[in-house]
C-alpha atoms as a PDB file:
ATOM      1  CA  MET A   1      -0.057   0.369   0.293  1.00  0.00           C
ATOM      2  CA  SER A   2       1.231   3.311  -0.857  1.00  0.00           C
ATOM      3  CA  GLN A   3       1.683   5.957   1.849  1.00  0.00           C
ATOM      4  CA  THR A   4      -0.257   9.064   1.984  1.00  0.00           C
ATOM      5  CA  LYS A   5       0.314  11.756   0.453  1.00  0.00           C
ATOM      6  CA  ARG A   6      -0.512  15.585   1.582  1.00  0.00           C
ATOM      7  CA  ILE A   7      -1.832  18.166  -0.841  1.00  0.00           C
ATOM      8  CA  ASP A   8      -3.131  21.151  -1.180  1.00  0.00           C
ATOM      9  CA  LEU A   9      -5.063  22.445  -4.295  1.00  0.00           C
ATOM     10  CA  ALA A  10      -5.756  26.227  -5.637  1.00  0.00           C
ATOM     11  CA  LEU A  11      -9.334  26.042  -7.114  1.00  0.00           C
ATOM     12  CA  GLN A  12      -9.890  28.862  -9.947  1.00  0.00           C
ATOM     13  CA  GLY A  13     -13.273  30.475 -10.567  1.00  0.00           C
ATOM     14  CA  GLY A  14     -15.013  29.926 -14.016  1.00  0.00           C
ATOM     15  CA  GLY A  15     -19.219  29.684 -13.289  1.00  0.00           C
ATOM     16  CA  ALA A  16     -20.797  26.429 -14.707  1.00  0.00           C
ATOM     17  CA  HIS A  17     -17.379  25.161 -15.351  1.00  0.00           C
ATOM     18  CA  GLY A  18     -16.578  24.916 -11.522  1.00  0.00           C
ATOM     19  CA  ALA A  19     -18.224  21.349 -12.387  1.00  0.00           C
ATOM     20  CA  PHE A  20     -14.978  20.389 -14.003  1.00  0.00           C
ATOM     21  CA  THR A  21     -13.479  20.770 -10.660  1.00  0.00           C
ATOM     22  CA  TRP A  22     -15.993  19.197  -8.927  1.00  0.00           C
ATOM     23  CA  GLY A  23     -15.360  16.116 -11.181  1.00  0.00           C
ATOM     24  CA  VAL A  24     -11.592  16.316 -10.026  1.00  0.00           C
ATOM     25  CA  LEU A  25     -12.500  16.840  -6.195  1.00  0.00           C
ATOM     26  CA  ASP A  26     -14.625  13.640  -6.325  1.00  0.00           C
ATOM     27  CA  ARG A  27     -11.575  11.602  -7.446  1.00  0.00           C
ATOM     28  CA  LEU A  28      -9.160  13.142  -5.666  1.00  0.00           C
ATOM     29  CA  LEU A  29     -11.847  12.677  -2.724  1.00  0.00           C
ATOM     30  CA  GLU A  30     -12.188   8.628  -3.217  1.00  0.00           C
ATOM     31  CA  GLU A  31      -8.160   8.249  -3.164  1.00  0.00           C
ATOM     32  CA  PRO A  32      -6.981   7.106  -0.450  1.00  0.00           C
ATOM     33  CA  ARG A  33      -3.180   7.944  -1.744  1.00  0.00           C
ATOM     34  CA  ILE A  34      -4.150  11.319  -0.995  1.00  0.00           C
ATOM     35  CA  ALA A  35      -5.019  13.497   1.735  1.00  0.00           C
ATOM     36  CA  ILE A  36      -6.015  16.884   1.146  1.00  0.00           C
ATOM     37  CA  GLU A  37      -4.649  19.700   3.586  1.00  0.00           C
ATOM     38  CA  GLY A  38      -5.643  22.893   2.270  1.00  0.00           C
ATOM     39  CA  ILE A  39      -7.781  24.306  -0.206  1.00  0.00           C
ATOM     40  CA  SER A  40      -7.261  28.186  -1.942  1.00  0.00           C
ATOM     41  CA  GLY A  41     -10.673  28.618  -3.964  1.00  0.00           C
ATOM     42  CA  THR A  42     -12.190  31.749  -5.697  1.00  0.00           C
ATOM     43  CA  SER A  43     -16.109  31.826  -6.780  1.00  0.00           C
ATOM     44  CA  ALA A  44     -17.075  28.269  -7.675  1.00  0.00           C
ATOM     45  CA  GLY A  45     -13.803  26.994  -6.287  1.00  0.00           C
ATOM     46  CA  ALA A  46     -14.236  28.547  -3.104  1.00  0.00           C
ATOM     47  CA  MET A  47     -17.905  27.228  -3.810  1.00  0.00           C
ATOM     48  CA  ASN A  48     -15.990  23.629  -3.880  1.00  0.00           C
ATOM     49  CA  GLY A  49     -14.044  24.299  -1.256  1.00  0.00           C
ATOM     50  CA  VAL A  50     -17.060  25.733   1.864  1.00  0.00           C
ATOM     51  CA  VAL A  51     -18.497  22.324   0.660  1.00  0.00           C
ATOM     52  CA  ILE A  52     -16.287  19.952   1.135  1.00  0.00           C
ATOM     53  CA  ALA A  53     -15.376  21.849   4.639  1.00  0.00           C
ATOM     54  CA  ASP A  54     -18.693  21.576   6.041  1.00  0.00           C
ATOM     55  CA  ALA A  55     -19.148  17.998   4.727  1.00  0.00           C
ATOM     56  CA  LEU A  56     -15.813  17.139   6.556  1.00  0.00           C
ATOM     57  CA  VAL A  57     -17.139  18.488  10.326  1.00  0.00           C
ATOM     58  CA  ARG A  58     -20.249  15.997   9.547  1.00  0.00           C
ATOM     59  CA  GLY A  59     -18.386  13.022   8.408  1.00  0.00           C
ATOM     60  CA  ASP A  60     -15.756  12.028   6.175  1.00  0.00           C
ATOM     61  CA  GLU A  61     -14.631  11.852   1.958  1.00  0.00           C
ATOM     62  CA  ALA A  62     -17.240  10.014   1.079  1.00  0.00           C
ATOM     63  CA  THR A  63     -19.636  12.603   3.051  1.00  0.00           C
ATOM     64  CA  ALA A  64     -17.973  15.136   1.044  1.00  0.00           C
ATOM     65  CA  ARG A  65     -18.167  13.382  -2.373  1.00  0.00           C
ATOM     66  CA  ALA A  66     -22.296  13.317  -1.222  1.00  0.00           C
ATOM     67  CA  ALA A  67     -22.386  17.478  -0.344  1.00  0.00           C
ATOM     68  CA  LEU A  68     -20.705  18.147  -3.541  1.00  0.00           C
ATOM     69  CA  HIS A  69     -23.079  16.153  -5.695  1.00  0.00           C
ATOM     70  CA  ASP A  70     -25.904  17.561  -3.879  1.00  0.00           C
ATOM     71  CA  PHE A  71     -25.019  21.047  -4.099  1.00  0.00           C
ATOM     72  CA  TRP A  72     -24.241  20.881  -7.657  1.00  0.00           C
ATOM     73  CA  ALA A  73     -27.887  19.302  -8.359  1.00  0.00           C
ATOM     74  CA  ALA A  74     -29.180  21.798  -6.358  1.00  0.00           C
ATOM     75  CA  VAL A  75     -27.443  24.828  -8.631  1.00  0.00           C
ATOM     76  CA  SER A  76     -28.927  22.701 -11.874  1.00  0.00           C
ATOM     77  CA  ARG A  77     -32.757  23.129 -10.461  1.00  0.00           C
ATOM     78  CA  ALA A  78     -32.013  27.123  -9.447  1.00  0.00           C
ATOM     79  CA  GLY A  79     -30.897  27.265 -13.060  1.00  0.00           C
ATOM     80  CA  MET A  80     -33.886  25.765 -14.496  1.00  0.00           C
ATOM     81  CA  ALA A  81     -36.290  28.582 -13.197  1.00  0.00           C
ATOM     82  CA  SER A  82     -33.743  30.649 -15.634  1.00  0.00           C
ATOM     83  CA  PRO A  83     -35.051  32.276 -19.378  1.00  0.00           C
ATOM     84  CA  ILE A  84     -30.944  31.819 -20.127  1.00  0.00           C
ATOM     85  CA  ARG A  85     -30.977  28.437 -21.681  1.00  0.00           C
ATOM     86  CA  ARG A  86     -29.684  26.261 -24.874  1.00  0.00           C
ATOM     87  CA  SER A  87     -31.779  27.508 -28.002  1.00  0.00           C
ATOM     88  CA  PRO A  88     -33.606  24.433 -29.609  1.00  0.00           C
ATOM     89  CA  LEU A  89     -31.047  24.555 -32.423  1.00  0.00           C
ATOM     90  CA  ASP A  90     -27.854  23.734 -30.019  1.00  0.00           C
ATOM     91  CA  VAL A  91     -30.094  21.186 -28.132  1.00  0.00           C
ATOM     92  CA  TRP A  92     -30.303  19.408 -31.288  1.00  0.00           C
ATOM     93  CA  LEU A  93     -26.492  19.605 -32.108  1.00  0.00           C
ATOM     94  CA  GLY A  94     -25.045  19.257 -28.660  1.00  0.00           C
ATOM     95  CA  ASN A  95     -23.784  22.079 -28.317  1.00  0.00           C
ATOM     96  CA  TRP A  96     -23.498  23.129 -24.900  1.00  0.00           C
ATOM     97  CA  SER A  97     -23.191  26.632 -24.669  1.00  0.00           C
ATOM     98  CA  LEU A  98     -25.713  29.753 -25.019  1.00  0.00           C
ATOM     99  CA  ASP A  99     -24.931  32.039 -27.663  1.00  0.00           C
ATOM    100  CA  HIS A 100     -27.769  31.657 -29.758  1.00  0.00           C
ATOM    101  CA  SER A 101     -30.323  31.591 -26.239  1.00  0.00           C
ATOM    102  CA  PRO A 102     -32.240  34.822 -26.343  1.00  0.00           C
ATOM    103  CA  GLY A 103     -32.275  34.569 -23.121  1.00  0.00           C
ATOM    104  CA  TYR A 104     -28.207  34.922 -23.156  1.00  0.00           C
ATOM    105  CA  VAL A 105     -28.224  37.590 -25.914  1.00  0.00           C
ATOM    106  CA  ALA A 106     -30.666  39.954 -24.190  1.00  0.00           C
ATOM    107  CA  LEU A 107     -28.761  39.400 -20.407  1.00  0.00           C
ATOM    108  CA  ASP A 108     -25.474  40.216 -22.538  1.00  0.00           C
ATOM    109  CA  LEU A 109     -26.759  43.319 -23.961  1.00  0.00           C
ATOM    110  CA  MET A 110     -28.304  44.705 -20.574  1.00  0.00           C
ATOM    111  CA  SER A 111     -25.381  44.307 -18.894  1.00  0.00           C
ATOM    112  CA  ARG A 112     -23.132  46.303 -21.409  1.00  0.00           C
ATOM    113  CA  LEU A 113     -25.937  49.302 -21.234  1.00  0.00           C
ATOM    114  CA  VAL A 114     -27.038  49.348 -17.457  1.00  0.00           C
ATOM    115  CA  SER A 115     -25.721  48.275 -13.960  1.00  0.00           C
ATOM    116  CA  PRO A 116     -26.925  45.671 -11.809  1.00  0.00           C
ATOM    117  CA  TYR A 117     -27.956  48.436  -9.155  1.00  0.00           C
ATOM    118  CA  GLN A 118     -30.226  49.381 -12.474  1.00  0.00           C
ATOM    119  CA  PHE A 119     -31.686  46.178 -14.238  1.00  0.00           C
ATOM    120  CA  ASN A 120     -31.350  43.927 -10.605  1.00  0.00           C
ATOM    121  CA  PRO A 121     -32.447  46.761  -7.626  1.00  0.00           C
ATOM    122  CA  LEU A 122     -33.351  43.897  -5.155  1.00  0.00           C
ATOM    123  CA  ASN A 123     -30.253  42.285  -6.027  1.00  0.00           C
ATOM    124  CA  LEU A 124     -31.641  39.046  -6.496  1.00  0.00           C
ATOM    125  CA  ASN A 125     -29.225  36.096  -6.775  1.00  0.00           C
ATOM    126  CA  PRO A 126     -30.125  32.850  -6.510  1.00  0.00           C
ATOM    127  CA  LEU A 127     -27.056  30.726  -6.293  1.00  0.00           C
ATOM    128  CA  ARG A 128     -26.680  32.900  -2.725  1.00  0.00           C
ATOM    129  CA  ASP A 129     -29.636  30.952  -1.367  1.00  0.00           C
ATOM    130  CA  VAL A 130     -28.195  27.611  -2.683  1.00  0.00           C
ATOM    131  CA  VAL A 131     -25.093  28.163  -0.564  1.00  0.00           C
ATOM    132  CA  ALA A 132     -26.910  29.378   2.526  1.00  0.00           C
ATOM    133  CA  ASP A 133     -29.307  25.864   2.121  1.00  0.00           C
ATOM    134  CA  HIS A 134     -26.026  23.586   1.649  1.00  0.00           C
ATOM    135  CA  VAL A 135     -23.388  25.194   3.784  1.00  0.00           C
ATOM    136  CA  ASP A 136     -23.604  26.127   7.416  1.00  0.00           C
ATOM    137  CA  PHE A 137     -20.848  28.446   7.856  1.00  0.00           C
ATOM    138  CA  ASP A 138     -20.467  27.292  11.461  1.00  0.00           C
ATOM    139  CA  ARG A 139     -19.292  24.136  10.827  1.00  0.00           C
ATOM    140  CA  VAL A 140     -16.980  25.675   8.000  1.00  0.00           C
ATOM    141  CA  ARG A 141     -15.212  28.130  10.596  1.00  0.00           C
ATOM    142  CA  ALA A 142     -15.260  25.136  12.664  1.00  0.00           C
ATOM    143  CA  CYS A 143     -13.480  22.588  10.463  1.00  0.00           C
ATOM    144  CA  GLU A 144     -10.060  21.627  11.710  1.00  0.00           C
ATOM    145  CA  SER A 145      -9.096  18.859   9.488  1.00  0.00           C
ATOM    146  CA  LEU A 146      -8.705  21.639   6.280  1.00  0.00           C
ATOM    147  CA  THR A 147      -6.950  24.820   6.279  1.00  0.00           C
ATOM    148  CA  LEU A 148      -9.412  26.909   3.428  1.00  0.00           C
ATOM    149  CA  PHE A 149      -8.894  30.380   2.086  1.00  0.00           C
ATOM    150  CA  VAL A 150     -11.159  32.622  -0.265  1.00  0.00           C
ATOM    151  CA  THR A 151     -10.216  35.620  -2.266  1.00  0.00           C
ATOM    152  CA  ALA A 152     -12.000  38.530  -3.190  1.00  0.00           C
ATOM    153  CA  THR A 153     -11.452  41.551  -4.513  1.00  0.00           C
ATOM    154  CA  ASN A 154     -11.486  44.714  -2.987  1.00  0.00           C
ATOM    155  CA  VAL A 155     -13.387  47.402  -5.233  1.00  0.00           C
ATOM    156  CA  ARG A 156     -11.867  50.286  -3.980  1.00  0.00           C
ATOM    157  CA  SER A 157      -8.122  49.949  -3.370  1.00  0.00           C
ATOM    158  CA  GLY A 158      -7.827  46.931  -6.073  1.00  0.00           C
ATOM    159  CA  LYS A 159      -6.144  44.495  -3.642  1.00  0.00           C
ATOM    160  CA  GLN A 160      -6.954  40.979  -3.077  1.00  0.00           C
ATOM    161  CA  ARG A 161      -8.750  40.009  -0.115  1.00  0.00           C
ATOM    162  CA  VAL A 162      -7.985  36.645   1.077  1.00  0.00           C
ATOM    163  CA  PHE A 163     -10.798  34.985   3.767  1.00  0.00           C
ATOM    164  CA  ALA A 164      -9.219  32.148   6.335  1.00  0.00           C
ATOM    165  CA  ARG A 165     -11.813  29.695   6.963  1.00  0.00           C
ATOM    166  CA  GLU A 166     -12.514  31.281  10.834  1.00  0.00           C
ATOM    167  CA  GLU A 167     -13.308  34.279   9.057  1.00  0.00           C
ATOM    168  CA  LEU A 168     -15.873  32.295   6.230  1.00  0.00           C
ATOM    169  CA  SER A 169     -19.067  33.765   5.569  1.00  0.00           C
ATOM    170  CA  LEU A 170     -21.583  33.644   2.892  1.00  0.00           C
ATOM    171  CA  ASP A 171     -20.954  37.230   2.142  1.00  0.00           C
ATOM    172  CA  ALA A 172     -17.378  36.230   1.525  1.00  0.00           C
ATOM    173  CA  VAL A 173     -18.344  33.629  -0.708  1.00  0.00           C
ATOM    174  CA  MET A 174     -20.550  35.577  -2.264  1.00  0.00           C
ATOM    175  CA  ALA A 175     -18.003  38.373  -2.681  1.00  0.00           C
ATOM    176  CA  SER A 176     -15.294  36.221  -4.537  1.00  0.00           C
ATOM    177  CA  ALA A 177     -18.039  35.037  -6.965  1.00  0.00           C
ATOM    178  CA  CYS A 178     -19.641  38.512  -7.578  1.00  0.00           C
ATOM    179  CA  LEU A 179     -19.082  39.630 -11.426  1.00  0.00           C
ATOM    180  CA  PRO A 180     -19.581  42.971 -11.486  1.00  0.00           C
ATOM    181  CA  PHE A 181     -21.436  43.237 -14.349  1.00  0.00           C
ATOM    182  CA  LEU A 182     -24.452  41.252 -13.160  1.00  0.00           C
ATOM    183  CA  PHE A 183     -24.089  41.398  -9.672  1.00  0.00           C
ATOM    184  CA  GLN A 184     -23.956  44.581  -6.907  1.00  0.00           C
ATOM    185  CA  ALA A 185     -20.732  44.462  -5.275  1.00  0.00           C
ATOM    186  CA  VAL A 186     -20.766  42.381  -1.713  1.00  0.00           C
ATOM    187  CA  VAL A 187     -20.484  44.904   1.491  1.00  0.00           C
ATOM    188  CA  ILE A 188     -18.254  43.421   4.033  1.00  0.00           C
ATOM    189  CA  ASP A 189     -17.269  45.192   7.166  1.00  0.00           C
ATOM    190  CA  GLY A 190     -17.758  48.017   5.547  1.00  0.00           C
ATOM    191  CA  ASP A 191     -15.973  46.988   2.313  1.00  0.00           C
ATOM    192  CA  ALA A 192     -17.492  46.678  -1.040  1.00  0.00           C
ATOM    193  CA  TYR A 193     -16.054  43.280  -3.057  1.00  0.00           C
ATOM    194  CA  TRP A 194     -15.857  41.943  -6.879  1.00  0.00           C
ATOM    195  CA  ASP A 195     -15.037  38.616  -7.664  1.00  0.00           C
ATOM    196  CA  GLY A 196     -11.644  37.343  -6.844  1.00  0.00           C
ATOM    197  CA  GLY A 197     -10.454  36.256 -10.047  1.00  0.00           C
ATOM    198  CA  TYR A 198      -9.754  39.995 -11.052  1.00  0.00           C
ATOM    199  CA  MET A 199      -6.421  39.717  -8.019  1.00  0.00           C
ATOM    200  CA  GLY A 200      -6.200  36.130  -6.857  1.00  0.00           C
ATOM    201  CA  ASN A 201      -7.669  33.545  -9.230  1.00  0.00           C
ATOM    202  CA  PRO A 202      -7.210  31.405  -6.574  1.00  0.00           C
ATOM    203  CA  ALA A 203      -4.733  33.317  -4.181  1.00  0.00           C
ATOM    204  CA  LEU A 204      -1.270  30.970  -3.827  1.00  0.00           C
ATOM    205  CA  LEU A 205       0.736  32.126  -1.171  1.00  0.00           C
ATOM    206  CA  PRO A 206      -1.544  31.678   1.860  1.00  0.00           C
ATOM    207  CA  LEU A 207      -1.010  27.961   0.747  1.00  0.00           C
ATOM    208  CA  VAL A 208       2.631  28.840   0.875  1.00  0.00           C
ATOM    209  CA  GLU A 209       3.008  30.260   4.382  1.00  0.00           C
ATOM    210  CA  GLN A 210       0.020  28.730   6.396  1.00  0.00           C
ATOM    211  CA  CYS A 211       0.214  24.954   5.067  1.00  0.00           C
ATOM    212  CA  THR A 212       2.957  21.843   5.258  1.00  0.00           C
ATOM    213  CA  ALA A 213       2.374  20.087   2.487  1.00  0.00           C
ATOM    214  CA  SER A 214       4.973  20.513  -0.335  1.00  0.00           C
ATOM    215  CA  ASP A 215       2.447  20.246  -2.994  1.00  0.00           C
ATOM    216  CA  ILE A 216      -0.151  22.550  -4.821  1.00  0.00           C
ATOM    217  CA  VAL A 217      -2.232  20.958  -7.393  1.00  0.00           C
ATOM    218  CA  ILE A 218      -3.736  23.827  -9.679  1.00  0.00           C
ATOM    219  CA  VAL A 219      -7.033  22.891 -11.327  1.00  0.00           C
ATOM    220  CA  GLN A 220      -7.450  25.503 -13.603  1.00  0.00           C
ATOM    221  CA  ILE A 221     -10.714  26.101 -15.600  1.00  0.00           C
ATOM    222  CA  ASN A 222      -9.457  29.158 -17.776  1.00  0.00           C
ATOM    223  CA  PRO A 223      -7.258  28.303 -20.555  1.00  0.00           C
ATOM    224  CA  VAL A 224      -3.616  29.917 -20.790  1.00  0.00           C
ATOM    225  CA  TYR A 225      -3.439  29.515 -24.245  1.00  0.00           C
ATOM    226  CA  ARG A 226      -5.801  29.017 -27.047  1.00  0.00           C
ATOM    227  CA  ASP A 227      -4.809  28.589 -31.483  1.00  0.00           C
ATOM    228  CA  GLU A 228      -7.257  30.319 -33.129  1.00  0.00           C
ATOM    229  CA  LEU A 229      -7.308  34.339 -33.091  1.00  0.00           C
ATOM    230  CA  PRO A 230     -10.594  35.650 -31.893  1.00  0.00           C
ATOM    231  CA  THR A 231     -12.392  37.825 -34.345  1.00  0.00           C
ATOM    232  CA  THR A 232     -15.673  38.520 -33.558  1.00  0.00           C
ATOM    233  CA  ALA A 233     -16.751  40.367 -30.256  1.00  0.00           C
ATOM    234  CA  ALA A 234     -18.093  37.902 -28.174  1.00  0.00           C
ATOM    235  CA  ASP A 235     -14.429  35.861 -29.091  1.00  0.00           C
ATOM    236  CA  ILE A 236     -11.961  38.744 -28.296  1.00  0.00           C
ATOM    237  CA  LEU A 237     -14.213  39.655 -24.970  1.00  0.00           C
ATOM    238  CA  ASN A 238     -14.089  36.171 -23.919  1.00  0.00           C
ATOM    239  CA  ARG A 239     -10.427  35.880 -24.162  1.00  0.00           C
ATOM    240  CA  LEU A 240      -9.815  38.880 -22.505  1.00  0.00           C
ATOM    241  CA  ASN A 241     -11.522  37.639 -19.687  1.00  0.00           C
ATOM    242  CA  GLU A 242      -9.275  34.410 -20.278  1.00  0.00           C
ATOM    243  CA  ILE A 243      -6.326  36.418 -19.869  1.00  0.00           C
ATOM    244  CA  THR A 244      -7.392  38.682 -17.369  1.00  0.00           C
ATOM    245  CA  PHE A 245      -8.639  35.517 -14.888  1.00  0.00           C
ATOM    246  CA  ASN A 246      -5.498  33.996 -15.609  1.00  0.00           C
ATOM    247  CA  ALA A 247      -2.806  36.978 -15.213  1.00  0.00           C
ATOM    248  CA  SER A 248      -2.854  36.896 -10.962  1.00  0.00           C
ATOM    249  CA  LEU A 249      -2.238  33.614 -11.194  1.00  0.00           C
ATOM    250  CA  ILE A 250       0.261  33.342 -13.528  1.00  0.00           C
ATOM    251  CA  LYS A 251       2.258  36.040 -11.723  1.00  0.00           C
ATOM    252  CA  GLU A 252       2.070  34.189  -8.647  1.00  0.00           C
ATOM    253  CA  VAL A 253       3.347  31.127  -9.871  1.00  0.00           C
ATOM    254  CA  ARG A 254       5.830  32.631 -11.569  1.00  0.00           C
ATOM    255  CA  LEU A 255       7.500  34.488  -8.683  1.00  0.00           C
ATOM    256  CA  LEU A 256       7.783  31.193  -6.621  1.00  0.00           C
ATOM    257  CA  ALA A 257       9.111  29.974  -8.873  1.00  0.00           C
ATOM    258  CA  MET A 258      11.791  32.291  -9.590  1.00  0.00           C
ATOM    259  CA  LEU A 259      12.554  32.569  -5.488  1.00  0.00           C
ATOM    260  CA  GLN A 260      13.040  28.922  -5.131  1.00  0.00           C
ATOM    261  CA  GLN A 261      15.185  29.206  -8.217  1.00  0.00           C
ATOM    262  CA  LEU A 262      17.584  31.807  -6.275  1.00  0.00           C
ATOM    263  CA  LEU A 263      17.245  30.146  -2.860  1.00  0.00           C
ATOM    264  CA  ASP A 264      18.571  26.622  -4.501  1.00  0.00           C
ATOM    265  CA  GLU A 265      21.057  28.603  -6.447  1.00  0.00           C
ATOM    266  CA  HIS A 266      22.337  30.148  -3.564  1.00  0.00           C
ATOM    267  CA  ASP A 267      21.931  27.726  -1.390  1.00  0.00           C
ATOM    268  CA  VAL A 268      19.896  29.790   1.446  1.00  0.00           C
ATOM    269  CA  ARG A 269      16.736  28.692   3.192  1.00  0.00           C
ATOM    270  CA  LEU A 270      14.309  31.572   4.765  1.00  0.00           C
ATOM    271  CA  PRO A 271      12.344  31.340   7.896  1.00  0.00           C
ATOM    272  CA  GLY A 272       9.016  29.891   8.099  1.00  0.00           C
ATOM    273  CA  TYR A 273       9.254  29.167   3.493  1.00  0.00           C
ATOM    274  CA  ARG A 274       9.186  26.006   2.159  1.00  0.00           C
ATOM    275  CA  GLU A 275      10.136  23.989  -1.230  1.00  0.00           C
ATOM    276  CA  THR A 276       6.998  24.439  -3.465  1.00  0.00           C
ATOM    277  CA  LEU A 277       6.639  21.453  -6.028  1.00  0.00           C
ATOM    278  CA  PHE A 278       4.088  22.786  -8.605  1.00  0.00           C
ATOM    279  CA  HIS A 279       0.852  20.534 -10.593  1.00  0.00           C
ATOM    280  CA  ARG A 280      -2.115  21.222 -12.337  1.00  0.00           C
ATOM    281  CA  ILE A 281      -4.639  19.690 -14.133  1.00  0.00           C
ATOM    282  CA  SER A 282      -6.146  21.408 -16.257  1.00  0.00           C
ATOM    283  CA  ALA A 283      -9.475  21.599 -18.262  1.00  0.00           C
ATOM    284  CA  ASP A 284      -8.292  23.386 -21.443  1.00  0.00           C
ATOM    285  CA  GLU A 285      -9.366  19.734 -23.448  1.00  0.00           C
ATOM    286  CA  ALA A 286     -12.414  19.599 -21.520  1.00  0.00           C
ATOM    287  CA  LEU A 287     -13.446  23.246 -21.992  1.00  0.00           C
ATOM    288  CA  ALA A 288     -11.974  24.074 -25.752  1.00  0.00           C
ATOM    289  CA  ASP A 289     -14.684  24.119 -27.724  1.00  0.00           C
ATOM    290  CA  LEU A 290     -17.326  26.052 -25.254  1.00  0.00           C
ATOM    291  CA  SER A 291     -17.691  29.858 -25.132  1.00  0.00           C
ATOM    292  CA  ALA A 292     -17.671  32.150 -22.183  1.00  0.00           C
ATOM    293  CA  SER A 293     -21.823  31.424 -22.346  1.00  0.00           C
ATOM    294  CA  SER A 294     -21.262  28.291 -21.761  1.00  0.00           C
ATOM    295  CA  LYS A 295     -20.420  29.222 -17.723  1.00  0.00           C
ATOM    296  CA  LEU A 296     -24.042  29.972 -17.396  1.00  0.00           C
ATOM    297  CA  ASN A 297     -25.392  26.875 -18.401  1.00  0.00           C
ATOM    298  CA  ALA A 298     -26.710  25.269 -15.074  1.00  0.00           C
ATOM    299  CA  GLU A 299     -28.332  22.052 -17.217  1.00  0.00           C
ATOM    300  CA  TRP A 300     -27.880  19.201 -15.047  1.00  0.00           C
ATOM    301  CA  ALA A 301     -26.603  16.920 -17.929  1.00  0.00           C
ATOM    302  CA  PHE A 302     -24.060  19.762 -18.856  1.00  0.00           C
ATOM    303  CA  LEU A 303     -22.837  19.902 -15.053  1.00  0.00           C
ATOM    304  CA  CYS A 304     -22.606  16.167 -15.120  1.00  0.00           C
ATOM    305  CA  HIS A 305     -20.289  15.966 -18.310  1.00  0.00           C
ATOM    306  CA  LEU A 306     -18.277  18.701 -17.369  1.00  0.00           C
ATOM    307  CA  ARG A 307     -17.909  16.547 -13.518  1.00  0.00           C
ATOM    308  CA  ASP A 308     -17.325  13.390 -15.495  1.00  0.00           C
ATOM    309  CA  ARG A 309     -14.296  15.286 -17.485  1.00  0.00           C
ATOM    310  CA  GLY A 310     -13.117  16.431 -14.637  1.00  0.00           C
ATOM    311  CA  ARG A 311     -12.763  12.998 -12.852  1.00  0.00           C
ATOM    312  CA  GLU A 312     -10.760  11.366 -16.297  1.00  0.00           C
ATOM    313  CA  ALA A 313      -8.542  14.451 -16.321  1.00  0.00           C
ATOM    314  CA  ALA A 314      -7.966  13.703 -12.113  1.00  0.00           C
ATOM    315  CA  GLU A 315      -7.435   9.883 -13.105  1.00  0.00           C
ATOM    316  CA  ALA A 316      -5.266  10.687 -15.648  1.00  0.00           C
ATOM    317  CA  TRP A 317      -3.021  12.887 -13.325  1.00  0.00           C
ATOM    318  CA  LEU A 318      -2.752  10.543 -11.066  1.00  0.00           C
ATOM    319  CA  ALA A 319      -1.527   7.643 -13.080  1.00  0.00           C
ATOM    320  CA  GLU A 320       1.146  10.197 -14.745  1.00  0.00           C
ATOM    321  CA  HIS A 321       2.188  12.170 -11.657  1.00  0.00           C
ATOM    322  CA  PHE A 322       1.213  10.302  -8.535  1.00  0.00           C
ATOM    323  CA  ASP A 323       4.487   9.321  -7.676  1.00  0.00           C
ATOM    324  CA  ALA A 324       6.227  12.900  -8.628  1.00  0.00           C
ATOM    325  CA  LEU A 325       4.122  14.191  -5.528  1.00  0.00           C
ATOM    326  CA  GLY A 326       6.774  15.163  -2.819  1.00  0.00           C
ATOM    327  CA  LYS A 327      10.015  14.692  -4.810  1.00  0.00           C
ATOM    328  CA  ARG A 328       9.384  17.359  -7.860  1.00  0.00           C
ATOM    329  CA  SER A 329       7.264  19.998  -9.780  1.00  0.00           C
ATOM    330  CA  THR A 330       5.529  17.893 -12.668  1.00  0.00           C
ATOM    331  CA  LEU A 331       4.521  21.459 -14.144  1.00  0.00           C
ATOM    332  CA  ASP A 332       6.820  22.889 -16.101  1.00  0.00           C
ATOM    333  CA  VAL A 333       6.268  26.903 -15.574  1.00  0.00           C
ATOM    334  CA  GLU A 334       8.407  27.891 -18.134  1.00  0.00           C
ATOM    335  CA  SER A 335       6.489  26.190 -20.767  1.00  0.00           C
ATOM    336  CA  VAL A 336       3.156  26.524 -20.145  1.00  0.00           C
ATOM    337  CA  TYR A 337       3.301  30.388 -18.021  1.00  0.00           C
ATOM    338  CA  LEU A 338       6.550  31.928 -19.501  1.00  0.00           C
ATOM    339  CA  HIS A 339       6.065  31.088 -23.738  1.00  0.00           C
END
């Protein structure tokens, strides 16, 4: 029997694409050779994280897997009342994106012309109710078996705010997932917050500073590289969003990798700093043919499709890289993030 290896997870946000991360987590939670010590999550990644923390207080990894299933099923049920659904043609063609959905087109146009303070003055957000129904934040704050961090962006200062597990709340998670074109800023202790993806998608430094595992596995659902040059307005905006939501992660990985290289070259050890080994489970292949509109597709069949692709990606990663955990990085930082 192989020894259990401890890892930390860095979970990106991406709306419904977070179901891919659900699949990755589902596979890792059932793996007896893996123990998850810490999670840093943003937006959908943060939601996956708090669902797991809540479940671990109530039970074990099997409880967490069931809780993730129930949470995403509730997300799908909440989406059934939405007018933002696939067109009959897209359903017939098997296209998961919503580019031809009248509801999506109307929302997209409206969000460019008026703010959520105007078209949604009551600040209604069905996802908030789903999180509230499925996560007890008293239990999350009391979960000692998982170190957890959630990132949001301070609107006024432009700085990231990392909420540690002990200070997590429903507002903190919803701040981490607050897209400013769709929802009003979330106010916490007098400060207004938007989606954490702008400044930390997700934040890595807290895992380095406050966890003991040397391995950080990044579950990346925003593509780093695309072959095709975007030429339509929608494709250009989509690619710009992908670049924006990857920028902070890429900078942080580069910084930590450069620091490690300097320390190794000069044989220096910093107090409180340990060697960080980077790994990556990417959704690039699974999401390659999907447009940004699919992030709002909450159909159960689509979420299950992404979950299955996430499980496959985690299975392939375990088969190829498990033995490297604790020994070396399997993420080629230079080729993935520098060129």
